[in-house]
């Protein structure tokens, strides 16, 4: 039985850490900062508790399991996306301008937190639509509402939404793929580790590797998005013209 001071063996795990009493936002912020520094493999309830100077058990009030904590990191990314969009608030000229603004904000958030980006694929592949974090659902709603307001019918809006999401997440994933084999090397060939690639079996890859190592940046994102969206406007009677 716990004693009156609350320090007995049956006491409830305290959630008052070095930053005061915890809340969900603080827990997720600390988790994201830990992943930013050390990668997803470093994240555990025990390690996060140590970061916040609380017992690991105290964190289960804010994330019921490791999967819930990972979903919380996805939520944290989308909440940051919402903040960026709010800071850049303004009336978009048309639906395409709106999609470009959403895409650029997502790109910026992902490049700020590259270690957490894989969760945008793994967790959203594992979690059904209705169980996704509210911030994720608000993002879906924002894009679909923009398309419907522009005049796309339900089927076309869904197709544009899928294509937009696939291009955006795919582009970011390619941008963040590691290419440098040895960062201490100054010679580009050794820096990329081209000596590890067979000149006989992979001649084109070896020749193109240096170009592949260059990021396409926001310009590549925008150019590819325009080319994709042209598919839904050029010669399509049901598409909206903006």
Protein backbone atom coordinates (compact mmCIF):
# COMPACT_ATOMS: atom_id res chain seq x y z
CA UNK A 1 0.00 0.00 0.00
CA UNK A 2 1.31 3.46 -0.89
CA UNK A 3 2.25 5.71 2.00
CA UNK A 4 0.87 9.20 2.49
CA UNK A 5 3.76 10.86 0.74
CA UNK A 6 2.97 9.06 -2.53
CA UNK A 7 6.49 7.57 -2.74
CA UNK A 8 5.55 3.95 -1.98
CA UNK A 9 5.88 1.13 -4.51
CA UNK A 10 2.24 1.41 -5.61
CA UNK A 11 2.43 5.08 -6.53
CA UNK A 12 1.23 6.29 -9.91
CA UNK A 13 3.99 7.12 -12.39
CA UNK A 14 4.45 10.87 -12.35
CA UNK A 15 4.31 12.84 -15.56
CA UNK A 16 5.96 15.92 -14.09
CA UNK A 17 9.36 16.12 -15.76
CA UNK A 18 12.07 18.71 -16.24
CA UNK A 19 9.68 20.87 -18.29
CA UNK A 20 6.79 20.69 -15.85
CA UNK A 21 3.70 18.55 -16.27
CA UNK A 22 3.50 16.87 -19.63
CA UNK A 23 0.86 17.14 -22.30
CA UNK A 24 0.49 15.37 -25.62
CA UNK A 25 2.03 18.21 -27.61
CA UNK A 26 5.15 18.24 -25.43
CA UNK A 27 5.54 14.46 -25.61
CA UNK A 28 5.25 14.43 -29.41
CA UNK A 29 7.59 17.39 -29.77
CA UNK A 30 10.23 15.61 -27.67
CA UNK A 31 9.74 12.39 -29.64
CA UNK A 32 10.19 14.21 -32.94
CA UNK A 33 13.30 16.00 -31.67
CA UNK A 34 14.78 12.65 -30.58
CA UNK A 35 14.09 11.07 -33.97
CA UNK A 36 15.52 14.14 -35.74
CA UNK A 37 18.78 13.69 -33.81
CA UNK A 38 19.18 9.94 -33.68
CA UNK A 39 16.71 8.29 -36.03
CA UNK A 40 13.64 6.13 -35.57
CA UNK A 41 15.61 3.23 -34.13
CA UNK A 42 16.46 5.35 -31.07
CA UNK A 43 12.81 5.93 -30.18
CA UNK A 44 11.36 3.92 -27.32
CA UNK A 45 9.12 4.72 -24.39
CA UNK A 46 12.05 4.33 -22.01
CA UNK A 47 14.33 6.59 -24.03
CA UNK A 48 11.63 9.21 -24.50
CA UNK A 49 10.90 9.10 -20.77
CA UNK A 50 14.57 9.75 -20.09
CA UNK A 51 14.49 12.70 -22.47
CA UNK A 52 11.58 14.20 -20.55
CA UNK A 53 12.88 13.09 -17.14
CA UNK A 54 9.79 11.03 -16.36
CA UNK A 55 9.11 7.33 -15.99
CA UNK A 56 8.30 5.54 -19.22
CA UNK A 57 4.94 4.43 -17.79
CA UNK A 58 3.86 8.06 -17.54
CA UNK A 59 3.97 8.34 -21.34
CA UNK A 60 1.26 5.76 -21.90
CA UNK A 61 -1.32 8.41 -21.01
CA UNK A 62 -0.34 10.22 -24.20
CA UNK A 63 0.45 7.24 -26.47
CA UNK A 64 -1.01 3.86 -25.54
CA UNK A 65 1.62 1.85 -27.45
CA UNK A 66 4.74 2.18 -29.58
CA UNK A 67 2.54 2.19 -32.70
CA UNK A 68 0.44 4.97 -31.19
CA UNK A 69 3.62 6.93 -30.55
CA UNK A 70 4.67 6.48 -34.18
CA UNK A 71 1.23 7.65 -35.29
CA UNK A 72 1.78 10.62 -33.02
CA UNK A 73 4.95 11.49 -34.93
CA UNK A 74 2.94 11.49 -38.16
CA UNK A 75 0.47 13.77 -36.40
CA UNK A 76 3.32 16.07 -35.34
CA UNK A 77 4.51 16.37 -38.96
CA UNK A 78 1.03 17.27 -40.18
CA UNK A 79 0.52 19.75 -37.34
CA UNK A 80 3.74 21.47 -38.41
CA UNK A 81 2.39 21.45 -41.97
CA UNK A 82 -0.77 23.18 -40.75
CA UNK A 83 1.34 25.82 -39.01
CA UNK A 84 3.27 26.49 -42.21
CA UNK A 85 0.09 26.79 -44.25
CA UNK A 86 -1.43 29.12 -41.67
CA UNK A 87 1.68 31.30 -41.70
CA UNK A 88 1.42 31.47 -45.48
CA UNK A 89 -2.30 32.13 -45.38
CA UNK A 90 -3.79 33.88 -48.35
CA UNK A 91 -6.25 33.42 -51.16
CA UNK A 92 -4.82 31.09 -53.79
CA UNK A 93 -5.31 32.24 -57.37
CA UNK A 94 -6.79 28.87 -58.32
CA UNK A 95 -6.82 25.21 -57.36
CA UNK A 96 -3.44 24.54 -58.97
CA UNK A 97 -1.84 27.33 -56.97
CA UNK A 98 -3.38 25.82 -53.85
CA UNK A 99 -1.93 22.39 -54.60
CA UNK A 100 1.47 23.92 -55.26
CA UNK A 101 1.31 25.71 -51.91
CA UNK A 102 0.37 22.49 -50.10
CA UNK A 103 3.12 20.59 -51.92
CA UNK A 104 5.83 23.12 -51.11
CA UNK A 105 4.85 23.28 -47.43
CA UNK A 106 4.89 19.47 -47.21
CA UNK A 107 8.28 19.37 -48.92
CA UNK A 108 9.71 21.88 -46.45
CA UNK A 109 8.39 19.98 -43.42
CA UNK A 110 9.72 16.67 -44.71
CA UNK A 111 13.18 18.07 -45.41
CA UNK A 112 13.22 19.53 -41.89
CA UNK A 113 12.48 16.08 -40.41
CA UNK A 114 13.98 13.51 -42.82
CA UNK A 115 14.34 10.80 -40.18
CA UNK A 116 10.58 10.77 -39.57
CA UNK A 117 9.52 10.82 -43.24
CA UNK A 118 9.42 7.00 -43.63
CA UNK A 119 6.46 6.99 -41.23
CA UNK A 120 4.38 8.80 -43.86
CA UNK A 121 4.49 5.55 -45.81
CA UNK A 122 4.70 2.84 -43.15
CA UNK A 123 2.09 4.17 -40.72
CA UNK A 124 -0.39 5.39 -43.35
CA UNK A 125 -0.12 1.96 -44.99
CA UNK A 126 -1.00 0.36 -41.67
CA UNK A 127 -3.75 2.69 -40.40
CA UNK A 128 -7.24 2.79 -41.97
CA UNK A 129 -8.59 6.15 -43.09
CA UNK A 130 -10.97 6.73 -40.17
CA UNK A 131 -8.27 5.94 -37.58
CA UNK A 132 -5.64 8.33 -38.90
CA UNK A 133 -4.66 11.33 -36.75
CA UNK A 134 -7.01 14.29 -36.99
CA UNK A 135 -4.31 16.49 -38.54
CA UNK A 136 -3.86 13.96 -41.35
CA UNK A 137 -7.60 13.86 -42.00
CA UNK A 138 -7.74 17.65 -42.08
CA UNK A 139 -5.02 17.61 -44.75
CA UNK A 140 -7.05 15.14 -46.84
CA UNK A 141 -10.15 17.30 -46.38
CA UNK A 142 -8.29 20.47 -47.34
CA UNK A 143 -7.03 19.07 -50.64
CA UNK A 144 -10.30 17.37 -51.60
CA UNK A 145 -12.36 20.45 -50.71
CA UNK A 146 -10.08 22.60 -52.89
CA UNK A 147 -10.63 20.25 -55.84
CA UNK A 148 -14.39 20.02 -55.39
CA UNK A 149 -14.67 23.80 -55.03
CA UNK A 150 -12.76 24.11 -58.32
CA UNK A 151 -15.48 22.12 -60.06
CA UNK A 152 -14.06 18.61 -60.27
CA UNK A 153 -16.64 15.87 -59.87
CA UNK A 154 -16.18 13.29 -57.13
CA UNK A 155 -14.43 10.71 -59.31
CA UNK A 156 -12.01 13.18 -60.86
CA UNK A 157 -11.27 14.88 -57.56
CA UNK A 158 -10.42 11.47 -56.09
CA UNK A 159 -8.13 10.71 -59.02
CA UNK A 160 -6.35 14.05 -58.70
CA UNK A 161 -6.02 13.55 -54.94
CA UNK A 162 -4.42 10.13 -55.39
CA UNK A 163 -2.05 11.35 -58.12
CA UNK A 164 -1.09 14.47 -56.14
CA UNK A 165 -0.38 12.45 -52.99
CA UNK A 166 1.60 9.80 -54.87
CA UNK A 167 3.76 12.37 -56.67
CA UNK A 168 4.38 14.45 -53.55
CA UNK A 169 5.34 11.56 -51.25
CA UNK A 170 7.28 9.80 -53.98
CA UNK A 171 9.24 12.91 -54.87
CA UNK A 172 10.15 13.59 -51.24
CA UNK A 173 11.22 9.96 -50.74
CA UNK A 174 13.54 10.13 -53.76
CA UNK A 175 14.96 13.47 -52.59
CA UNK A 176 15.84 11.99 -49.21
CA UNK A 177 17.42 8.73 -50.40
CA UNK A 178 21.04 8.57 -49.20
CA UNK A 179 23.54 8.80 -52.05
CA UNK A 180 26.85 9.68 -50.38
CA UNK A 181 28.91 6.61 -49.49
CA UNK A 182 31.80 8.42 -47.77
CA UNK A 183 31.20 12.06 -46.77
CA UNK A 184 34.88 12.52 -45.91
CA UNK A 185 35.93 11.97 -49.52
CA UNK A 186 36.41 15.01 -51.75
CA UNK A 187 36.66 13.10 -55.01
CA UNK A 188 33.08 12.79 -56.32
CA UNK A 189 33.54 9.22 -57.52
CA UNK A 190 34.82 7.98 -54.17
CA UNK A 191 32.37 10.18 -52.30
CA UNK A 192 29.53 8.36 -54.07
CA UNK A 193 31.28 5.00 -53.85
CA UNK A 194 31.21 4.38 -57.59
CA UNK A 195 34.05 1.86 -57.20
CA UNK A 196 31.48 -0.38 -55.53
CA UNK A 197 29.33 -0.46 -58.70
CA UNK A 198 30.26 -2.84 -61.48
CA UNK A 199 31.33 -0.92 -64.58
CA UNK A 200 30.40 -3.94 -66.68
CA UNK A 201 26.93 -4.62 -65.23
CA UNK A 202 25.89 -1.07 -64.26
CA UNK A 203 27.52 1.31 -66.75
CA UNK A 204 24.52 3.64 -67.10
CA UNK A 205 23.96 3.87 -63.36
CA UNK A 206 27.62 4.71 -62.77
CA UNK A 207 27.51 7.38 -65.46
CA UNK A 208 24.32 8.92 -64.08
CA UNK A 209 25.02 8.60 -60.34
CA UNK A 210 26.43 12.10 -59.92
CA UNK A 211 23.32 13.63 -61.50
CA UNK A 212 21.08 11.41 -59.39
CA UNK A 213 22.85 12.64 -56.26
CA UNK A 214 21.73 16.21 -56.98
CA UNK A 215 18.37 17.07 -55.44
CA UNK A 216 15.64 18.29 -57.73
CA UNK A 217 14.57 20.79 -55.10
CA UNK A 218 11.30 22.74 -55.04
CA UNK A 219 11.68 23.52 -58.73
CA UNK A 220 11.63 19.84 -59.66
CA UNK A 221 8.66 19.29 -57.38
CA UNK A 222 6.72 22.10 -59.04
CA UNK A 223 7.61 21.09 -62.59
CA UNK A 224 6.58 17.50 -62.04
CA UNK A 225 3.38 18.54 -60.33
CA UNK A 226 2.43 20.80 -63.24
CA UNK A 227 3.07 17.99 -65.72
CA UNK A 228 0.91 15.67 -63.64
CA UNK A 229 -1.96 18.14 -63.26
CA UNK A 230 -1.95 18.84 -66.99
CA UNK A 231 -3.18 15.27 -67.38
CA UNK A 232 -6.42 16.27 -65.66
CA UNK A 233 -7.02 19.52 -67.49
CA UNK A 234 -5.85 19.09 -71.07
CA UNK A 235 -8.54 17.54 -73.22
CA UNK A 236 -10.73 16.47 -70.29
CA UNK A 237 -14.27 17.73 -70.43
CA UNK A 238 -14.98 16.87 -66.81
CA UNK A 239 -11.93 18.64 -65.39
CA UNK A 240 -12.10 22.11 -64.00
CA UNK A 241 -10.13 24.81 -65.73
CA UNK A 242 -9.54 26.81 -62.57
